[in-house]
């Protein structure tokens, strides 16, 4: 193992810490906000902080993964990681450019504390499931790779 492998893995893991941490925070807020005006408003405010942290996490995962997997062919777990990052980016674009503007507009209208319409709750819930499966699944795959493939 070279020092660049350690740096790549560190950046990779830092992306998970930052991105997955932010995803977990906003998911808990969103879950609590399904039926609570207090938590709905808290979610609207919190997403202003978590959104950039999630993007930073995705960027770090992409950079760290590129460095860490640099000598491998794009097959198996490295390929799955790349595919998941693409899915997380697409999901993030939906959340950043559809959901976030919707929430910010409601906030401007003084409706930040109102429960979201069911149609928006379903879209957001679906997106959060994609996000959770992507982040947690990728972290599990990295752990598997480190224990069973890289260490072998």
C-alpha atoms as a PDB file:
ATOM      1  CA  UNK A   1       0.000   0.000   0.000  1.00  0.00           C
ATOM      2  CA  UNK A   2       1.346   3.402  -1.004  1.00  0.00           C
ATOM      3  CA  UNK A   3       0.753   6.724   0.741  1.00  0.00           C
ATOM      4  CA  UNK A   4      -1.512   7.795  -2.121  1.00  0.00           C
ATOM      5  CA  UNK A   5      -3.734   4.793  -1.315  1.00  0.00           C
ATOM      6  CA  UNK A   6      -4.026   6.008   2.275  1.00  0.00           C
ATOM      7  CA  UNK A   7      -4.812   9.555   1.123  1.00  0.00           C
ATOM      8  CA  UNK A   8      -7.388   8.265  -1.387  1.00  0.00           C
ATOM      9  CA  UNK A   9      -9.035   6.058   1.216  1.00  0.00           C
ATOM     10  CA  UNK A  10      -9.054   8.921   3.730  1.00  0.00           C
ATOM     11  CA  UNK A  11     -10.770  11.247   1.222  1.00  0.00           C
ATOM     12  CA  UNK A  12     -13.180   8.442   0.294  1.00  0.00           C
ATOM     13  CA  UNK A  13     -14.091   7.875   3.960  1.00  0.00           C
ATOM     14  CA  UNK A  14     -14.299  11.616   4.658  1.00  0.00           C
ATOM     15  CA  UNK A  15     -16.902  11.826   1.893  1.00  0.00           C
ATOM     16  CA  UNK A  16     -18.952   9.148   3.618  1.00  0.00           C
ATOM     17  CA  UNK A  17     -18.645  10.834   7.002  1.00  0.00           C
ATOM     18  CA  UNK A  18     -19.750  14.222   5.683  1.00  0.00           C
ATOM     19  CA  UNK A  19     -22.301  13.106   3.084  1.00  0.00           C
ATOM     20  CA  UNK A  20     -23.887  10.243   4.987  1.00  0.00           C
ATOM     21  CA  UNK A  21     -23.925  12.283   8.180  1.00  0.00           C
ATOM     22  CA  UNK A  22     -25.826  15.082   6.445  1.00  0.00           C
ATOM     23  CA  UNK A  23     -28.191  12.602   4.766  1.00  0.00           C
ATOM     24  CA  UNK A  24     -28.958  11.030   8.141  1.00  0.00           C
ATOM     25  CA  UNK A  25     -29.702  14.410   9.728  1.00  0.00           C
ATOM     26  CA  UNK A  26     -32.072  15.555   6.977  1.00  0.00           C
ATOM     27  CA  UNK A  27     -33.755  12.143   6.797  1.00  0.00           C
ATOM     28  CA  UNK A  28     -34.552  12.196  10.508  1.00  0.00           C
ATOM     29  CA  UNK A  29     -35.898  15.741  10.227  1.00  0.00           C
ATOM     30  CA  UNK A  30     -37.992  14.787   7.206  1.00  0.00           C
ATOM     31  CA  UNK A  31     -39.372  11.702   8.922  1.00  0.00           C
ATOM     32  CA  UNK A  32     -40.380  13.746  11.954  1.00  0.00           C
ATOM     33  CA  UNK A  33     -41.874  16.433   9.704  1.00  0.00           C
ATOM     34  CA  UNK A  34     -44.381  14.153   7.986  1.00  0.00           C
ATOM     35  CA  UNK A  35     -47.105  15.036  10.507  1.00  0.00           C
ATOM     36  CA  UNK A  36     -45.572  17.882  12.517  1.00  0.00           C
ATOM     37  CA  UNK A  37     -45.530  21.531  11.523  1.00  0.00           C
ATOM     38  CA  UNK A  38     -42.659  22.152  13.944  1.00  0.00           C
ATOM     39  CA  UNK A  39     -40.460  19.494  12.316  1.00  0.00           C
ATOM     40  CA  UNK A  40     -41.558  20.503   8.818  1.00  0.00           C
ATOM     41  CA  UNK A  41     -40.242  24.004   9.450  1.00  0.00           C
ATOM     42  CA  UNK A  42     -37.092  22.610  11.067  1.00  0.00           C
ATOM     43  CA  UNK A  43     -36.538  20.445   7.979  1.00  0.00           C
ATOM     44  CA  UNK A  44     -36.879  23.426   5.653  1.00  0.00           C
ATOM     45  CA  UNK A  45     -34.255  25.282   7.659  1.00  0.00           C
ATOM     46  CA  UNK A  46     -31.961  22.300   8.137  1.00  0.00           C
ATOM     47  CA  UNK A  47     -31.837  21.425   4.453  1.00  0.00           C
ATOM     48  CA  UNK A  48     -30.018  24.707   3.813  1.00  0.00           C
ATOM     49  CA  UNK A  49     -27.075  23.290   5.770  1.00  0.00           C
ATOM     50  CA  UNK A  50     -27.289  19.623   4.812  1.00  0.00           C
ATOM     51  CA  UNK A  51     -27.641  20.179   1.054  1.00  0.00           C
ATOM     52  CA  UNK A  52     -24.135  21.613   0.552  1.00  0.00           C
ATOM     53  CA  UNK A  53     -22.676  19.035   2.948  1.00  0.00           C
ATOM     54  CA  UNK A  54     -24.198  16.215   0.899  1.00  0.00           C
ATOM     55  CA  UNK A  55     -22.687  17.689  -2.289  1.00  0.00           C
ATOM     56  CA  UNK A  56     -19.309  17.992  -0.572  1.00  0.00           C
ATOM     57  CA  UNK A  57     -19.633  14.353   0.524  1.00  0.00           C
ATOM     58  CA  UNK A  58     -20.429  13.217  -3.020  1.00  0.00           C
ATOM     59  CA  UNK A  59     -17.454  15.169  -4.378  1.00  0.00           C
ATOM     60  CA  UNK A  60     -15.099  13.673  -1.782  1.00  0.00           C
ATOM     61  CA  UNK A  61     -16.402  10.148  -2.424  1.00  0.00           C
ATOM     62  CA  UNK A  62     -15.872  10.654  -6.153  1.00  0.00           C
ATOM     63  CA  UNK A  63     -12.346  12.053  -5.742  1.00  0.00           C
ATOM     64  CA  UNK A  64     -11.333   9.584  -3.029  1.00  0.00           C
ATOM     65  CA  UNK A  65     -12.747   6.630  -4.935  1.00  0.00           C
ATOM     66  CA  UNK A  66     -10.961   7.718  -8.115  1.00  0.00           C
ATOM     67  CA  UNK A  67      -7.638   7.909  -6.268  1.00  0.00           C
ATOM     68  CA  UNK A  68      -8.188   4.725  -4.261  1.00  0.00           C
ATOM     69  CA  UNK A  69      -9.316   2.626  -7.250  1.00  0.00           C
ATOM     70  CA  UNK A  70      -6.929   4.310  -9.726  1.00  0.00           C
ATOM     71  CA  UNK A  71      -5.005   1.139 -10.593  1.00  0.00           C
ATOM     72  CA  UNK A  72      -8.035  -1.102 -11.019  1.00  0.00           C
ATOM     73  CA  UNK A  73     -10.228  -1.788 -13.999  1.00  0.00           C
ATOM     74  CA  UNK A  74     -13.755  -0.498 -13.775  1.00  0.00           C
ATOM     75  CA  UNK A  75     -15.243  -3.846 -12.774  1.00  0.00           C
ATOM     76  CA  UNK A  76     -16.961  -5.257  -9.694  1.00  0.00           C
ATOM     77  CA  UNK A  77     -17.139  -3.039  -6.620  1.00  0.00           C
ATOM     78  CA  UNK A  78     -15.371  -0.028  -8.219  1.00  0.00           C
ATOM     79  CA  UNK A  79     -17.957  -0.130 -11.017  1.00  0.00           C
ATOM     80  CA  UNK A  80     -20.837  -0.388  -8.537  1.00  0.00           C
ATOM     81  CA  UNK A  81     -19.420   2.570  -6.599  1.00  0.00           C
ATOM     82  CA  UNK A  82     -19.247   4.639  -9.794  1.00  0.00           C
ATOM     83  CA  UNK A  83     -22.800   3.669 -10.717  1.00  0.00           C
ATOM     84  CA  UNK A  84     -24.078   4.588  -7.243  1.00  0.00           C
ATOM     85  CA  UNK A  85     -22.293   7.959  -7.350  1.00  0.00           C
ATOM     86  CA  UNK A  86     -24.000   8.708 -10.663  1.00  0.00           C
ATOM     87  CA  UNK A  87     -27.374   7.758  -9.156  1.00  0.00           C
ATOM     88  CA  UNK A  88     -26.674   9.903  -6.068  1.00  0.00           C
ATOM     89  CA  UNK A  89     -25.757  12.846  -8.306  1.00  0.00           C
ATOM     90  CA  UNK A  90     -28.982  12.491 -10.302  1.00  0.00           C
ATOM     91  CA  UNK A  91     -30.966  12.141  -7.087  1.00  0.00           C
ATOM     92  CA  UNK A  92     -29.178  15.178  -5.652  1.00  0.00           C
ATOM     93  CA  UNK A  93     -30.024  17.211  -8.749  1.00  0.00           C
ATOM     94  CA  UNK A  94     -33.707  16.413  -8.222  1.00  0.00           C
ATOM     95  CA  UNK A  95     -33.507  17.349  -4.554  1.00  0.00           C
ATOM     96  CA  UNK A  96     -31.473  20.515  -5.191  1.00  0.00           C
ATOM     97  CA  UNK A  97     -33.337  21.849  -8.214  1.00  0.00           C
ATOM     98  CA  UNK A  98     -36.893  20.633  -7.650  1.00  0.00           C
ATOM     99  CA  UNK A  99     -37.461  19.979  -3.956  1.00  0.00           C
ATOM    100  CA  UNK A 100     -35.261  22.701  -2.475  1.00  0.00           C
ATOM    101  CA  UNK A 101     -36.762  25.539  -4.569  1.00  0.00           C
ATOM    102  CA  UNK A 102     -40.239  24.265  -3.661  1.00  0.00           C
ATOM    103  CA  UNK A 103     -39.365  24.358   0.056  1.00  0.00           C
ATOM    104  CA  UNK A 104     -37.726  27.785  -0.190  1.00  0.00           C
ATOM    105  CA  UNK A 105     -40.739  29.205  -2.032  1.00  0.00           C
ATOM    106  CA  UNK A 106     -43.049  27.894   0.669  1.00  0.00           C
ATOM    107  CA  UNK A 107     -40.808  29.505   3.248  1.00  0.00           C
ATOM    108  CA  UNK A 108     -41.023  32.878   1.428  1.00  0.00           C
ATOM    109  CA  UNK A 109     -44.806  32.537   1.387  1.00  0.00           C
ATOM    110  CA  UNK A 110     -44.845  31.958   5.144  1.00  0.00           C
ATOM    111  CA  UNK A 111     -45.805  28.300   4.729  1.00  0.00           C
ATOM    112  CA  UNK A 112     -42.583  26.690   6.001  1.00  0.00           C
ATOM    113  CA  UNK A 113     -44.418  25.166   8.948  1.00  0.00           C
ATOM    114  CA  UNK A 114     -47.276  23.691   6.932  1.00  0.00           C
ATOM    115  CA  UNK A 115     -47.229  19.945   6.336  1.00  0.00           C
ATOM    116  CA  UNK A 116     -46.154  19.170   2.765  1.00  0.00           C
ATOM    117  CA  UNK A 117     -48.749  17.866   0.308  1.00  0.00           C
ATOM    118  CA  UNK A 118     -48.836  14.070   0.060  1.00  0.00           C
ATOM    119  CA  UNK A 119     -47.597  14.156  -3.542  1.00  0.00           C
ATOM    120  CA  UNK A 120     -44.438  15.974  -2.463  1.00  0.00           C
ATOM    121  CA  UNK A 121     -44.018  13.741   0.578  1.00  0.00           C
ATOM    122  CA  UNK A 122     -44.073  10.675  -1.692  1.00  0.00           C
ATOM    123  CA  UNK A 123     -41.524  12.157  -4.119  1.00  0.00           C
ATOM    124  CA  UNK A 124     -39.222  13.183  -1.280  1.00  0.00           C
ATOM    125  CA  UNK A 125     -39.600   9.835   0.513  1.00  0.00           C
ATOM    126  CA  UNK A 126     -38.686   7.971  -2.677  1.00  0.00           C
ATOM    127  CA  UNK A 127     -35.683  10.184  -3.173  1.00  0.00           C
ATOM    128  CA  UNK A 128     -34.557   9.710   0.419  1.00  0.00           C
ATOM    129  CA  UNK A 129     -34.825   5.927   0.063  1.00  0.00           C
ATOM    130  CA  UNK A 130     -32.604   6.093  -3.027  1.00  0.00           C
ATOM    131  CA  UNK A 131     -30.177   8.261  -1.071  1.00  0.00           C
ATOM    132  CA  UNK A 132     -30.099   6.001   1.996  1.00  0.00           C
ATOM    133  CA  UNK A 133     -29.666   2.804  -0.007  1.00  0.00           C
ATOM    134  CA  UNK A 134     -26.971   4.451  -2.108  1.00  0.00           C
ATOM    135  CA  UNK A 135     -24.953   5.879   0.777  1.00  0.00           C
ATOM    136  CA  UNK A 136     -25.290   2.975   3.221  1.00  0.00           C
ATOM    137  CA  UNK A 137     -24.922   0.354   0.494  1.00  0.00           C
ATOM    138  CA  UNK A 138     -21.766   2.014  -0.831  1.00  0.00           C
ATOM    139  CA  UNK A 139     -20.259   2.240   2.622  1.00  0.00           C
ATOM    140  CA  UNK A 140     -20.982  -1.455   3.179  1.00  0.00           C
ATOM    141  CA  UNK A 141     -19.380  -2.288  -0.182  1.00  0.00           C
ATOM    142  CA  UNK A 142     -16.274  -0.325   0.752  1.00  0.00           C
ATOM    143  CA  UNK A 143     -16.027  -2.195   4.055  1.00  0.00           C
ATOM    144  CA  UNK A 144     -16.468  -5.495   2.206  1.00  0.00           C
ATOM    145  CA  UNK A 145     -13.848  -4.505  -0.341  1.00  0.00           C
ATOM    146  CA  UNK A 146     -11.323  -3.524   2.320  1.00  0.00           C
ATOM    147  CA  UNK A 147     -11.790  -6.687   4.379  1.00  0.00           C
ATOM    148  CA  UNK A 148     -12.258  -9.347   1.706  1.00  0.00           C
ATOM    149  CA  UNK A 149     -10.654  -8.023  -1.468  1.00  0.00           C
ATOM    150  CA  UNK A 150      -7.996  -5.431  -0.701  1.00  0.00           C
ATOM    151  CA  UNK A 151      -6.605  -7.175   2.380  1.00  0.00           C
ATOM    152  CA  UNK A 152      -6.425 -10.556   0.631  1.00  0.00           C
END
